[in-house]
PDB file of N, CA and C in Angstrom:
ATOM      1  N   MET A   1      14.136  11.482 -11.181  1.00  0.00           N
ATOM      2  CA  MET A   1      13.209  10.401 -10.984  1.00  0.00           C
ATOM      3  C   MET A   1      12.972   9.633 -12.278  1.00  0.00           C
ATOM      4  N   ASP A   2      12.932  10.308 -13.427  1.00  0.00           N
ATOM      5  CA  ASP A   2      12.681   9.625 -14.688  1.00  0.00           C
ATOM      6  C   ASP A   2      13.690   8.521 -14.953  1.00  0.00           C
ATOM      7  N   SER A   3      14.981   8.780 -14.680  1.00  0.00           N
ATOM      8  CA  SER A   3      15.989   7.755 -14.937  1.00  0.00           C
ATOM      9  C   SER A   3      15.782   6.544 -14.036  1.00  0.00           C
ATOM     10  N   VAL A   4      15.368   6.783 -12.795  1.00  0.00           N
ATOM     11  CA  VAL A   4      15.099   5.680 -11.877  1.00  0.00           C
ATOM     12  C   VAL A   4      13.924   4.860 -12.375  1.00  0.00           C
ATOM     13  N   LEU A   5      12.873   5.545 -12.832  1.00  0.00           N
ATOM     14  CA  LEU A   5      11.699   4.835 -13.327  1.00  0.00           C
ATOM     15  C   LEU A   5      12.033   4.043 -14.582  1.00  0.00           C
ATOM     16  N   ASN A   6      12.877   4.591 -15.457  1.00  0.00           N
ATOM     17  CA  ASN A   6      13.251   3.879 -16.680  1.00  0.00           C
ATOM     18  C   ASN A   6      14.085   2.640 -16.388  1.00  0.00           C
ATOM     19  N   GLU A   7      14.872   2.677 -15.334  1.00  0.00           N
ATOM     20  CA  GLU A   7      15.750   1.554 -15.011  1.00  0.00           C
ATOM     21  C   GLU A   7      14.984   0.355 -14.474  1.00  0.00           C
ATOM     22  N   GLY A   8      14.020   0.558 -13.607  1.00  0.00           N
ATOM     23  CA  GLY A   8      13.349  -0.582 -13.004  1.00  0.00           C
ATOM     24  C   GLY A   8      11.856  -0.414 -12.856  1.00  0.00           C
ATOM     25  N   GLY A   9      11.301   0.647 -13.400  1.00  0.00           N
ATOM     26  CA  GLY A   9       9.879   0.866 -13.306  1.00  0.00           C
ATOM     27  C   GLY A   9       9.449   1.336 -11.935  1.00  0.00           C
ATOM     28  N   HIS A  10       8.156   1.509 -11.788  1.00  0.00           N
ATOM     29  CA  HIS A  10       7.646   2.052 -10.534  1.00  0.00           C
ATOM     30  C   HIS A  10       7.838   1.093  -9.376  1.00  0.00           C
ATOM     31  N   GLU A  11       7.842  -0.220  -9.641  1.00  0.00           N
ATOM     32  CA  GLU A  11       8.041  -1.180  -8.549  1.00  0.00           C
ATOM     33  C   GLU A  11       9.398  -0.985  -7.893  1.00  0.00           C
ATOM     34  N   GLU A  12      10.425  -0.901  -8.702  1.00  0.00           N
ATOM     35  CA  GLU A  12      11.779  -0.716  -8.176  1.00  0.00           C
ATOM     36  C   GLU A  12      11.905   0.645  -7.498  1.00  0.00           C
ATOM     37  N   TYR A  13      11.284   1.667  -8.096  1.00  0.00           N
ATOM     38  CA  TYR A  13      11.318   2.998  -7.500  1.00  0.00           C
ATOM     39  C   TYR A  13      10.691   2.969  -6.103  1.00  0.00           C
ATOM     40  N   LEU A  14       9.520   2.365  -5.996  1.00  0.00           N
ATOM     41  CA  LEU A  14       8.856   2.308  -4.692  1.00  0.00           C
ATOM     42  C   LEU A  14       9.667   1.503  -3.682  1.00  0.00           C
ATOM     43  N   ARG A  15      10.227   0.387  -4.114  1.00  0.00           N
ATOM     44  CA  ARG A  15      11.010  -0.434  -3.185  1.00  0.00           C
ATOM     45  C   ARG A  15      12.229   0.307  -2.672  1.00  0.00           C
ATOM     46  N   LYS A  16      12.994   0.885  -3.587  1.00  0.00           N
ATOM     47  CA  LYS A  16      14.266   1.501  -3.197  1.00  0.00           C
ATOM     48  C   LYS A  16      14.100   2.910  -2.635  1.00  0.00           C
ATOM     49  N   ASN A  17      13.291   3.717  -3.292  1.00  0.00           N
ATOM     50  CA  ASN A  17      13.242   5.132  -2.956  1.00  0.00           C
ATOM     51  C   ASN A  17      12.152   5.497  -1.963  1.00  0.00           C
ATOM     52  N   MET A  18      11.123   4.714  -1.882  1.00  0.00           N
ATOM     53  CA  MET A  18      10.072   5.041  -0.924  1.00  0.00           C
ATOM     54  C   MET A  18      10.209   4.201   0.336  1.00  0.00           C
ATOM     55  N   LEU A  19      10.149   2.903   0.190  1.00  0.00           N
ATOM     56  CA  LEU A  19      10.163   2.049   1.377  1.00  0.00           C
ATOM     57  C   LEU A  19      11.463   2.164   2.154  1.00  0.00           C
ATOM     58  N   LEU A  20      12.579   2.017   1.483  1.00  0.00           N
ATOM     59  CA  LEU A  20      13.861   2.033   2.195  1.00  0.00           C
ATOM     60  C   LEU A  20      14.272   3.426   2.650  1.00  0.00           C
ATOM     61  N   ASN A  21      14.058   4.435   1.809  1.00  0.00           N
ATOM     62  CA  ASN A  21      14.441   5.798   2.187  1.00  0.00           C
ATOM     63  C   ASN A  21      13.681   6.328   3.398  1.00  0.00           C
ATOM     64  N   TYR A  22      12.477   5.853   3.584  1.00  0.00           N
ATOM     65  CA  TYR A  22      11.679   6.313   4.716  1.00  0.00           C
ATOM     66  C   TYR A  22      11.733   5.347   5.891  1.00  0.00           C
ATOM     67  N   GLY A  23      12.599   4.346   5.807  1.00  0.00           N
ATOM     68  CA  GLY A  23      12.815   3.448   6.930  1.00  0.00           C
ATOM     69  C   GLY A  23      11.810   2.324   7.073  1.00  0.00           C
ATOM     70  N   PHE A  24      11.062   2.037   6.033  1.00  0.00           N
ATOM     71  CA  PHE A  24      10.082   0.957   6.097  1.00  0.00           C
ATOM     72  C   PHE A  24      10.771  -0.358   5.716  1.00  0.00           C
ATOM     73  N   LYS A  25      11.516  -0.901   6.644  1.00  0.00           N
ATOM     74  CA  LYS A  25      12.359  -2.074   6.378  1.00  0.00           C
ATOM     75  C   LYS A  25      11.593  -3.387   6.398  1.00  0.00           C
ATOM     76  N   ASN A  26      10.375  -3.372   6.939  1.00  0.00           N
ATOM     77  CA  ASN A  26       9.581  -4.588   7.018  1.00  0.00           C
ATOM     78  C   ASN A  26       8.349  -4.512   6.129  1.00  0.00           C
ATOM     79  N   SER A  27       8.376  -3.617   5.147  1.00  0.00           N
ATOM     80  CA  SER A  27       7.287  -3.475   4.192  1.00  0.00           C
ATOM     81  C   SER A  27       7.765  -3.974   2.836  1.00  0.00           C
ATOM     82  N   TYR A  28       6.853  -4.546   2.082  1.00  0.00           N
ATOM     83  CA  TYR A  28       7.193  -5.154   0.792  1.00  0.00           C
ATOM     84  C   TYR A  28       6.175  -4.713  -0.237  1.00  0.00           C
ATOM     85  N   TYR A  29       6.643  -4.411  -1.446  1.00  0.00           N
ATOM     86  CA  TYR A  29       5.748  -4.022  -2.531  1.00  0.00           C
ATOM     87  C   TYR A  29       5.895  -5.009  -3.673  1.00  0.00           C
ATOM     88  N   LYS A  30       4.780  -5.660  -3.997  1.00  0.00           N
ATOM     89  CA  LYS A  30       4.730  -6.642  -5.077  1.00  0.00           C
ATOM     90  C   LYS A  30       5.845  -7.682  -4.958  1.00  0.00           C
ATOM     91  N   GLN A  31       6.113  -8.101  -3.746  1.00  0.00           N
ATOM     92  CA  GLN A  31       7.085  -9.149  -3.458  1.00  0.00           C
ATOM     93  C   GLN A  31       6.436 -10.073  -2.437  1.00  0.00           C
ATOM     94  N   THR A  32       6.718 -11.336  -2.532  1.00  0.00           N
ATOM     95  CA  THR A  32       6.219 -12.244  -1.509  1.00  0.00           C
ATOM     96  C   THR A  32       6.975 -11.961  -0.227  1.00  0.00           C
ATOM     97  N   PRO A  33       6.249 -11.617   0.824  1.00  0.00           N
ATOM     98  CA  PRO A  33       6.918 -11.295   2.092  1.00  0.00           C
ATOM     99  C   PRO A  33       7.488 -12.552   2.735  1.00  0.00           C
ATOM    100  N   PRO A  34       8.362 -12.381   3.716  1.00  0.00           N
ATOM    101  CA  PRO A  34       8.917 -13.547   4.404  1.00  0.00           C
ATOM    102  C   PRO A  34       7.808 -14.372   5.058  1.00  0.00           C
ATOM    103  N   ASN A  35       8.103 -15.597   5.311  1.00  0.00           N
ATOM    104  CA  ASN A  35       7.107 -16.515   5.847  1.00  0.00           C
ATOM    105  C   ASN A  35       6.926 -16.369   7.353  1.00  0.00           C
ATOM    106  N   ASN A  36       7.209 -15.206   7.911  1.00  0.00           N
ATOM    107  CA  ASN A  36       7.043 -15.027   9.349  1.00  0.00           C
ATOM    108  C   ASN A  36       5.897 -14.078   9.680  1.00  0.00           C
ATOM    109  N   LEU A  37       5.020 -13.851   8.708  1.00  0.00           N
ATOM    110  CA  LEU A  37       3.886 -12.962   8.930  1.00  0.00           C
ATOM    111  C   LEU A  37       2.716 -13.734   9.522  1.00  0.00           C
ATOM    112  N   VAL A  38       1.791 -13.016  10.098  1.00  0.00           N
ATOM    113  CA  VAL A  38       0.578 -13.618  10.640  1.00  0.00           C
ATOM    114  C   VAL A  38      -0.250 -14.148   9.478  1.00  0.00           C
ATOM    115  N   ASN A  39      -0.790 -15.348   9.619  1.00  0.00           N
ATOM    116  CA  ASN A  39      -1.628 -15.923   8.571  1.00  0.00           C
ATOM    117  C   ASN A  39      -2.971 -15.212   8.505  1.00  0.00           C
ATOM    118  N   HIS A  40      -3.587 -15.301   7.356  1.00  0.00           N
ATOM    119  CA  HIS A  40      -4.873 -14.664   7.079  1.00  0.00           C
ATOM    120  C   HIS A  40      -5.913 -15.766   6.913  1.00  0.00           C
ATOM    121  N   TYR A  41      -6.982 -15.712   7.695  1.00  0.00           N
ATOM    122  CA  TYR A  41      -8.019 -16.738   7.652  1.00  0.00           C
ATOM    123  C   TYR A  41      -9.358 -16.124   7.280  1.00  0.00           C
ATOM    124  N   GLY A  42     -10.197 -16.905   6.613  1.00  0.00           N
ATOM    125  CA  GLY A  42     -11.530 -16.424   6.280  1.00  0.00           C
ATOM    126  C   GLY A  42     -12.384 -17.526   5.702  1.00  0.00           C
ATOM    127  N   ASP A  43     -13.630 -17.185   5.475  1.00  0.00           N
ATOM    128  CA  ASP A  43     -14.612 -18.118   4.912  1.00  0.00           C
ATOM    129  C   ASP A  43     -14.853 -17.708   3.465  1.00  0.00           C
ATOM    130  N   ILE A  44     -13.885 -17.981   2.603  1.00  0.00           N
ATOM    131  CA  ILE A  44     -13.934 -17.516   1.215  1.00  0.00           C
ATOM    132  C   ILE A  44     -15.091 -18.127   0.432  1.00  0.00           C
ATOM    133  N   ASN A  45     -15.466 -19.354   0.762  1.00  0.00           N
ATOM    134  CA  ASN A  45     -16.543 -20.040   0.036  1.00  0.00           C
ATOM    135  C   ASN A  45     -17.918 -19.813   0.659  1.00  0.00           C
ATOM    136  N   LYS A  46     -17.963 -19.047   1.745  1.00  0.00           N
ATOM    137  CA  LYS A  46     -19.205 -18.763   2.467  1.00  0.00           C
ATOM    138  C   LYS A  46     -19.961 -20.043   2.805  1.00  0.00           C
ATOM    139  N   ASP A  47     -19.189 -21.031   3.312  1.00  0.00           N
ATOM    140  CA  ASP A  47     -19.778 -22.314   3.688  1.00  0.00           C
ATOM    141  C   ASP A  47     -19.558 -22.617   5.171  1.00  0.00           C
ATOM    142  N   ASN A  48     -19.296 -21.560   5.957  1.00  0.00           N
ATOM    143  CA  ASN A  48     -19.031 -21.677   7.397  1.00  0.00           C
ATOM    144  C   ASN A  48     -17.784 -22.496   7.704  1.00  0.00           C
ATOM    145  N   SER A  49     -16.873 -22.555   6.754  1.00  0.00           N
ATOM    146  CA  SER A  49     -15.615 -23.259   6.955  1.00  0.00           C
ATOM    147  C   SER A  49     -14.469 -22.245   6.851  1.00  0.00           C
ATOM    148  N   ILE A  50     -13.801 -22.004   7.965  1.00  0.00           N
ATOM    149  CA  ILE A  50     -12.684 -21.058   7.993  1.00  0.00           C
ATOM    150  C   ILE A  50     -11.428 -21.775   7.501  1.00  0.00           C
ATOM    151  N   GLU A  51     -10.722 -21.143   6.581  1.00  0.00           N
ATOM    152  CA  GLU A  51      -9.497 -21.739   6.051  1.00  0.00           C
ATOM    153  C   GLU A  51      -8.390 -20.699   5.960  1.00  0.00           C
ATOM    154  N   ASN A  52      -7.158 -21.167   5.891  1.00  0.00           N
ATOM    155  CA  ASN A  52      -5.996 -20.298   5.778  1.00  0.00           C
ATOM    156  C   ASN A  52      -5.945 -19.759   4.349  1.00  0.00           C
ATOM    157  N   LEU A  53      -6.056 -18.445   4.207  1.00  0.00           N
ATOM    158  CA  LEU A  53      -6.068 -17.800   2.898  1.00  0.00           C
ATOM    159  C   LEU A  53      -4.772 -17.055   2.611  1.00  0.00           C
ATOM    160  N   SER A  54      -3.737 -17.322   3.388  1.00  0.00           N
ATOM    161  CA  SER A  54      -2.484 -16.570   3.252  1.00  0.00           C
ATOM    162  C   SER A  54      -1.903 -16.657   1.853  1.00  0.00           C
ATOM    163  N   ALA A  55      -1.811 -17.846   1.289  1.00  0.00           N
ATOM    164  CA  ALA A  55      -1.222 -18.004  -0.056  1.00  0.00           C
ATOM    165  C   ALA A  55      -2.058 -17.278  -1.102  1.00  0.00           C
ATOM    166  N   GLU A  56      -3.383 -17.393  -1.015  1.00  0.00           N
ATOM    167  CA  GLU A  56      -4.263 -16.720  -1.969  1.00  0.00           C
ATOM    168  C   GLU A  56      -4.156 -15.202  -1.833  1.00  0.00           C
ATOM    169  N   THR A  57      -4.066 -14.729  -0.603  1.00  0.00           N
ATOM    170  CA  THR A  57      -3.955 -13.293  -0.365  1.00  0.00           C
ATOM    171  C   THR A  57      -2.666 -12.755  -0.973  1.00  0.00           C
ATOM    172  N   ILE A  58      -1.566 -13.452  -0.766  1.00  0.00           N
ATOM    173  CA  ILE A  58      -0.278 -13.025  -1.338  1.00  0.00           C
ATOM    174  C   ILE A  58      -0.343 -13.042  -2.849  1.00  0.00           C
ATOM    175  N   GLU A  59      -0.895 -14.086  -3.419  1.00  0.00           N
ATOM    176  CA  GLU A  59      -0.971 -14.201  -4.879  1.00  0.00           C
ATOM    177  C   GLU A  59      -1.785 -13.063  -5.484  1.00  0.00           C
ATOM    178  N   THR A  60      -2.984 -12.806  -4.950  1.00  0.00           N
ATOM    179  CA  THR A  60      -3.823 -11.757  -5.535  1.00  0.00           C
ATOM    180  C   THR A  60      -3.281 -10.362  -5.235  1.00  0.00           C
ATOM    181  N   THR A  61      -2.698 -10.156  -4.082  1.00  0.00           N
ATOM    182  CA  THR A  61      -2.133  -8.841  -3.772  1.00  0.00           C
ATOM    183  C   THR A  61      -0.980  -8.518  -4.711  1.00  0.00           C
ATOM    184  N   ASN A  62      -0.201  -9.495  -5.092  1.00  0.00           N
ATOM    185  CA  ASN A  62       0.927  -9.261  -5.997  1.00  0.00           C
ATOM    186  C   ASN A  62       0.489  -8.962  -7.429  1.00  0.00           C
ATOM    187  N   TRP A  63      -0.767  -9.205  -7.768  1.00  0.00           N
ATOM    188  CA  TRP A  63      -1.258  -8.894  -9.116  1.00  0.00           C
ATOM    189  C   TRP A  63      -1.395  -7.410  -9.341  1.00  0.00           C
ATOM    190  N   TYR A  64      -1.750  -6.662  -8.298  1.00  0.00           N
ATOM    191  CA  TYR A  64      -2.148  -5.272  -8.449  1.00  0.00           C
ATOM    192  C   TYR A  64      -0.967  -4.314  -8.331  1.00  0.00           C
ATOM    193  N   SER A  65      -1.132  -3.159  -8.944  1.00  0.00           N
ATOM    194  CA  SER A  65      -0.113  -2.116  -8.870  1.00  0.00           C
ATOM    195  C   SER A  65      -0.754  -0.827  -8.384  1.00  0.00           C
ATOM    196  N   GLY A  66       0.028  -0.069  -7.652  1.00  0.00           N
ATOM    197  CA  GLY A  66      -0.447   1.237  -7.226  1.00  0.00           C
ATOM    198  C   GLY A  66      -1.212   1.198  -5.922  1.00  0.00           C
ATOM    199  N   ASP A  67      -2.488   0.829  -5.983  1.00  0.00           N
ATOM    200  CA  ASP A  67      -3.309   0.882  -4.777  1.00  0.00           C
ATOM    201  C   ASP A  67      -3.292  -0.421  -3.995  1.00  0.00           C
ATOM    202  N   ASP A  68      -2.536  -1.357  -4.395  1.00  0.00           N
ATOM    203  CA  ASP A  68      -2.484  -2.642  -3.707  1.00  0.00           C
ATOM    204  C   ASP A  68      -1.067  -3.172  -3.857  1.00  0.00           C
ATOM    205  N   GLY A  69      -0.851  -4.363  -3.414  1.00  0.00           N
ATOM    206  CA  GLY A  69       0.449  -4.980  -3.608  1.00  0.00           C
ATOM    207  C   GLY A  69       1.443  -4.697  -2.510  1.00  0.00           C
ATOM    208  N   ILE A  70       1.014  -4.074  -1.429  1.00  0.00           N
ATOM    209  CA  ILE A  70       1.967  -3.762  -0.365  1.00  0.00           C
ATOM    210  C   ILE A  70       1.607  -4.521   0.910  1.00  0.00           C
ATOM    211  N   TYR A  71       2.639  -5.013   1.536  1.00  0.00           N
ATOM    212  CA  TYR A  71       2.515  -5.683   2.827  1.00  0.00           C
ATOM    213  C   TYR A  71       3.315  -4.857   3.823  1.00  0.00           C
ATOM    214  N   ALA A  72       2.670  -4.486   4.911  1.00  0.00           N
ATOM    215  CA  ALA A  72       3.356  -3.660   5.901  1.00  0.00           C
ATOM    216  C   ALA A  72       2.828  -3.983   7.287  1.00  0.00           C
ATOM    217  N   PRO A  73       3.725  -4.026   8.265  1.00  0.00           N
ATOM    218  CA  PRO A  73       3.237  -4.159   9.640  1.00  0.00           C
ATOM    219  C   PRO A  73       2.497  -2.883  10.024  1.00  0.00           C
ATOM    220  N   ILE A  74       1.577  -3.000  10.946  1.00  0.00           N
ATOM    221  CA  ILE A  74       0.715  -1.871  11.292  1.00  0.00           C
ATOM    222  C   ILE A  74       1.513  -0.634  11.715  1.00  0.00           C
ATOM    223  N   ALA A  75       2.633  -0.817  12.399  1.00  0.00           N
ATOM    224  CA  ALA A  75       3.432   0.337  12.834  1.00  0.00           C
ATOM    225  C   ALA A  75       3.994   1.094  11.628  1.00  0.00           C
ATOM    226  N   GLU A  76       4.461   0.370  10.604  1.00  0.00           N
ATOM    227  CA  GLU A  76       4.996   1.036   9.417  1.00  0.00           C
ATOM    228  C   GLU A  76       3.878   1.645   8.580  1.00  0.00           C
ATOM    229  N   ALA A  77       2.736   0.975   8.488  1.00  0.00           N
ATOM    230  CA  ALA A  77       1.601   1.538   7.748  1.00  0.00           C
ATOM    231  C   ALA A  77       1.141   2.835   8.402  1.00  0.00           C
ATOM    232  N   SER A  78       1.064   2.827   9.712  1.00  0.00           N
ATOM    233  CA  SER A  78       0.668   4.020  10.464  1.00  0.00           C
ATOM    234  C   SER A  78       1.690   5.146  10.278  1.00  0.00           C
ATOM    235  N   ASP A  79       2.967   4.797  10.340  1.00  0.00           N
ATOM    236  CA  ASP A  79       4.035   5.784  10.161  1.00  0.00           C
ATOM    237  C   ASP A  79       3.967   6.385   8.756  1.00  0.00           C
ATOM    238  N   PHE A  80       3.702   5.538   7.757  1.00  0.00           N
ATOM    239  CA  PHE A  80       3.579   6.028   6.385  1.00  0.00           C
ATOM    240  C   PHE A  80       2.428   7.045   6.277  1.00  0.00           C
ATOM    241  N   LEU A  81       1.264   6.683   6.804  1.00  0.00           N
ATOM    242  CA  LEU A  81       0.115   7.596   6.726  1.00  0.00           C
ATOM    243  C   LEU A  81       0.382   8.908   7.457  1.00  0.00           C
ATOM    244  N   GLU A  82       1.061   8.819   8.591  1.00  0.00           N
ATOM    245  CA  GLU A  82       1.389  10.027   9.334  1.00  0.00           C
ATOM    246  C   GLU A  82       2.339  10.915   8.526  1.00  0.00           C
ATOM    247  N   LYS A  83       3.373  10.331   7.953  1.00  0.00           N
ATOM    248  CA  LYS A  83       4.323  11.095   7.128  1.00  0.00           C
ATOM    249  C   LYS A  83       3.627  11.672   5.894  1.00  0.00           C
ATOM    250  N   LEU A  84       2.758  10.879   5.282  1.00  0.00           N
ATOM    251  CA  LEU A  84       2.028  11.340   4.106  1.00  0.00           C
ATOM    252  C   LEU A  84       1.186  12.564   4.435  1.00  0.00           C
ATOM    253  N   MET A  85       0.405  12.475   5.496  1.00  0.00           N
ATOM    254  CA  MET A  85      -0.508  13.562   5.836  1.00  0.00           C
ATOM    255  C   MET A  85       0.210  14.798   6.385  1.00  0.00           C
ATOM    256  N   LYS A  86       1.422  14.643   6.875  1.00  0.00           N
ATOM    257  CA  LYS A  86       2.210  15.791   7.334  1.00  0.00           C
ATOM    258  C   LYS A  86       2.990  16.436   6.193  1.00  0.00           C
ATOM    259  N   GLY A  87       2.888  15.886   4.992  1.00  0.00           N
ATOM    260  CA  GLY A  87       3.574  16.454   3.839  1.00  0.00           C
ATOM    261  C   GLY A  87       5.042  16.074   3.744  1.00  0.00           C
ATOM    262  N   GLU A  88       5.435  15.006   4.396  1.00  0.00           N
ATOM    263  CA  GLU A  88       6.840  14.584   4.372  1.00  0.00           C
ATOM    264  C   GLU A  88       7.166  13.679   3.193  1.00  0.00           C
ATOM    265  N   ILE A  89       6.156  13.189   2.479  1.00  0.00           N
ATOM    266  CA  ILE A  89       6.394  12.270   1.367  1.00  0.00           C
ATOM    267  C   ILE A  89       6.068  12.933   0.034  1.00  0.00           C
ATOM    268  N   LEU A  90       4.960  13.634  -0.042  1.00  0.00           N
ATOM    269  CA  LEU A  90       4.546  14.311  -1.268  1.00  0.00           C
ATOM    270  C   LEU A  90       4.572  15.822  -1.058  1.00  0.00           C
ATOM    271  N   ASN A  91       4.669  16.549  -2.155  1.00  0.00           N
ATOM    272  CA  ASN A  91       4.645  17.996  -2.021  1.00  0.00           C
ATOM    273  C   ASN A  91       3.228  18.469  -1.693  1.00  0.00           C
ATOM    274  N   GLU A  92       3.111  19.703  -1.267  1.00  0.00           N
ATOM    275  CA  GLU A  92       1.844  20.257  -0.789  1.00  0.00           C
ATOM    276  C   GLU A  92       0.757  20.215  -1.863  1.00  0.00           C
ATOM    277  N   LYS A  93       1.120  20.517  -3.103  1.00  0.00           N
ATOM    278  CA  LYS A  93       0.143  20.534  -4.196  1.00  0.00           C
ATOM    279  C   LYS A  93      -0.443  19.140  -4.427  1.00  0.00           C
ATOM    280  N   THR A  94       0.398  18.132  -4.462  1.00  0.00           N
ATOM    281  CA  THR A  94      -0.071  16.764  -4.693  1.00  0.00           C
ATOM    282  C   THR A  94      -0.931  16.285  -3.532  1.00  0.00           C
ATOM    283  N   LEU A  95      -0.508  16.579  -2.309  1.00  0.00           N
ATOM    284  CA  LEU A  95      -1.289  16.187  -1.145  1.00  0.00           C
ATOM    285  C   LEU A  95      -2.658  16.869  -1.161  1.00  0.00           C
ATOM    286  N   LYS A  96      -2.708  18.120  -1.586  1.00  0.00           N
ATOM    287  CA  LYS A  96      -3.982  18.847  -1.692  1.00  0.00           C
ATOM    288  C   LYS A  96      -4.890  18.163  -2.701  1.00  0.00           C
ATOM    289  N   GLU A  97      -4.332  17.721  -3.827  1.00  0.00           N
ATOM    290  CA  GLU A  97      -5.129  17.011  -4.828  1.00  0.00           C
ATOM    291  C   GLU A  97      -5.667  15.697  -4.257  1.00  0.00           C
ATOM    292  N   MET A  98      -4.855  15.014  -3.472  1.00  0.00           N
ATOM    293  CA  MET A  98      -5.285  13.742  -2.887  1.00  0.00           C
ATOM    294  C   MET A  98      -6.418  13.927  -1.890  1.00  0.00           C
ATOM    295  N   THR A  99      -6.452  15.056  -1.232  1.00  0.00           N
ATOM    296  CA  THR A  99      -7.468  15.285  -0.200  1.00  0.00           C
ATOM    297  C   THR A  99      -8.589  16.215  -0.670  1.00  0.00           C
ATOM    298  N   THR A 100      -8.660  16.443  -1.975  1.00  0.00           N
ATOM    299  CA  THR A 100      -9.792  17.153  -2.554  1.00  0.00           C
ATOM    300  C   THR A 100     -10.784  16.076  -2.960  1.00  0.00           C
ATOM    301  N   TRP A 101     -11.853  15.956  -2.183  1.00  0.00           N
ATOM    302  CA  TRP A 101     -12.777  14.830  -2.330  1.00  0.00           C
ATOM    303  C   TRP A 101     -13.724  15.020  -3.507  1.00  0.00           C
ATOM    304  N   ASN A 102     -14.141  13.908  -4.068  1.00  0.00           N
ATOM    305  CA  ASN A 102     -15.066  13.928  -5.196  1.00  0.00           C
ATOM    306  C   ASN A 102     -16.434  14.476  -4.802  1.00  0.00           C
ATOM    307  N   ASP A 103     -16.804  14.366  -3.547  1.00  0.00           N
ATOM    308  CA  ASP A 103     -18.099  14.846  -3.062  1.00  0.00           C
ATOM    309  C   ASP A 103     -17.896  15.354  -1.637  1.00  0.00           C
ATOM    310  N   GLU A 104     -17.922  16.658  -1.455  1.00  0.00           N
ATOM    311  CA  GLU A 104     -17.654  17.237  -0.134  1.00  0.00           C
ATOM    312  C   GLU A 104     -18.707  16.840   0.903  1.00  0.00           C
ATOM    313  N   ASP A 105     -19.957  16.581   0.472  1.00  0.00           N
ATOM    314  CA  ASP A 105     -21.010  16.185   1.409  1.00  0.00           C
ATOM    315  C   ASP A 105     -20.842  14.751   1.901  1.00  0.00           C
ATOM    316  N   LYS A 106     -20.332  13.900   1.039  1.00  0.00           N
ATOM    317  CA  LYS A 106     -20.115  12.496   1.398  1.00  0.00           C
ATOM    318  C   LYS A 106     -18.783  12.056   0.782  1.00  0.00           C
ATOM    319  N   PRO A 107     -17.671  12.542   1.338  1.00  0.00           N
ATOM    320  CA  PRO A 107     -16.369  12.260   0.719  1.00  0.00           C
ATOM    321  C   PRO A 107     -16.014  10.777   0.795  1.00  0.00           C
ATOM    322  N   ASP A 108     -15.538  10.254  -0.324  1.00  0.00           N
ATOM    323  CA  ASP A 108     -15.059   8.883  -0.301  1.00  0.00           C
ATOM    324  C   ASP A 108     -13.813   8.693  -1.161  1.00  0.00           C
ATOM    325  N   TYR A 109     -13.537   9.619  -2.090  1.00  0.00           N
ATOM    326  CA  TYR A 109     -12.372   9.432  -2.945  1.00  0.00           C
ATOM    327  C   TYR A 109     -11.734  10.758  -3.296  1.00  0.00           C
ATOM    328  N   GLY A 110     -10.404  10.771  -3.172  1.00  0.00           N
ATOM    329  CA  GLY A 110      -9.582  11.876  -3.664  1.00  0.00           C
ATOM    330  C   GLY A 110      -8.633  11.275  -4.685  1.00  0.00           C
ATOM    331  N   LEU A 111      -7.637  11.978  -5.098  1.00  0.00           N
ATOM    332  CA  LEU A 111      -6.699  11.471  -6.095  1.00  0.00           C
ATOM    333  C   LEU A 111      -5.776  10.434  -5.449  1.00  0.00           C
ATOM    334  N   GLY A 112      -6.170   9.172  -5.492  1.00  0.00           N
ATOM    335  CA  GLY A 112      -5.357   8.102  -4.933  1.00  0.00           C
ATOM    336  C   GLY A 112      -5.550   7.873  -3.450  1.00  0.00           C
ATOM    337  N   LEU A 113      -6.524   8.513  -2.850  1.00  0.00           N
ATOM    338  CA  LEU A 113      -6.771   8.374  -1.408  1.00  0.00           C
ATOM    339  C   LEU A 113      -8.267   8.164  -1.198  1.00  0.00           C
ATOM    340  N   MET A 114      -8.599   7.141  -0.421  1.00  0.00           N
ATOM    341  CA  MET A 114     -10.013   6.844  -0.183  1.00  0.00           C
ATOM    342  C   MET A 114     -10.354   6.982   1.291  1.00  0.00           C
ATOM    343  N   VAL A 115     -11.595   7.335   1.565  1.00  0.00           N
ATOM    344  CA  VAL A 115     -12.143   7.372   2.907  1.00  0.00           C
ATOM    345  C   VAL A 115     -13.113   6.207   2.992  1.00  0.00           C
ATOM    346  N   ASP A 116     -12.951   5.382   4.012  1.00  0.00           N
ATOM    347  CA  ASP A 116     -13.841   4.234   4.144  1.00  0.00           C
ATOM    348  C   ASP A 116     -14.357   4.161   5.555  1.00  0.00           C
TER     349      ASP A 116
END
C-alpha cells in the first residue's frame, strides 16, 4: 500500500483501489462527477428563494479530503456501508476502533465514523 500511496496519494489510492476494486463504478472521489446527476437545490441565503446549488456543492465537496469529497448514488453508498460493517473493507481491529464510540451513553463519534 505504501508504494501506491507514494505514487498518487490517498486520492488515487481511493479511486483505484477502493472504488473500482469494490465495484463502485458510479462513485467519484474529489472529482467533478458527470453532468447527469440530480441537481441540488436549497435556500442558501435564507431569503425564501430556492436556487440550484449543484455547482457550489461540487466545488465545496472537492475541497475536503477523507470525510467528504465523495459522490455516490444511493445504491453504491448503501453497498459501501454494508460491506464496511460486515468487515469486507477494513480489518476487524480497525472496524472495532471505528465503532468504539466517544460516549457510550450518547454515541456520536468513533474513529472516522459518526452517528447522526
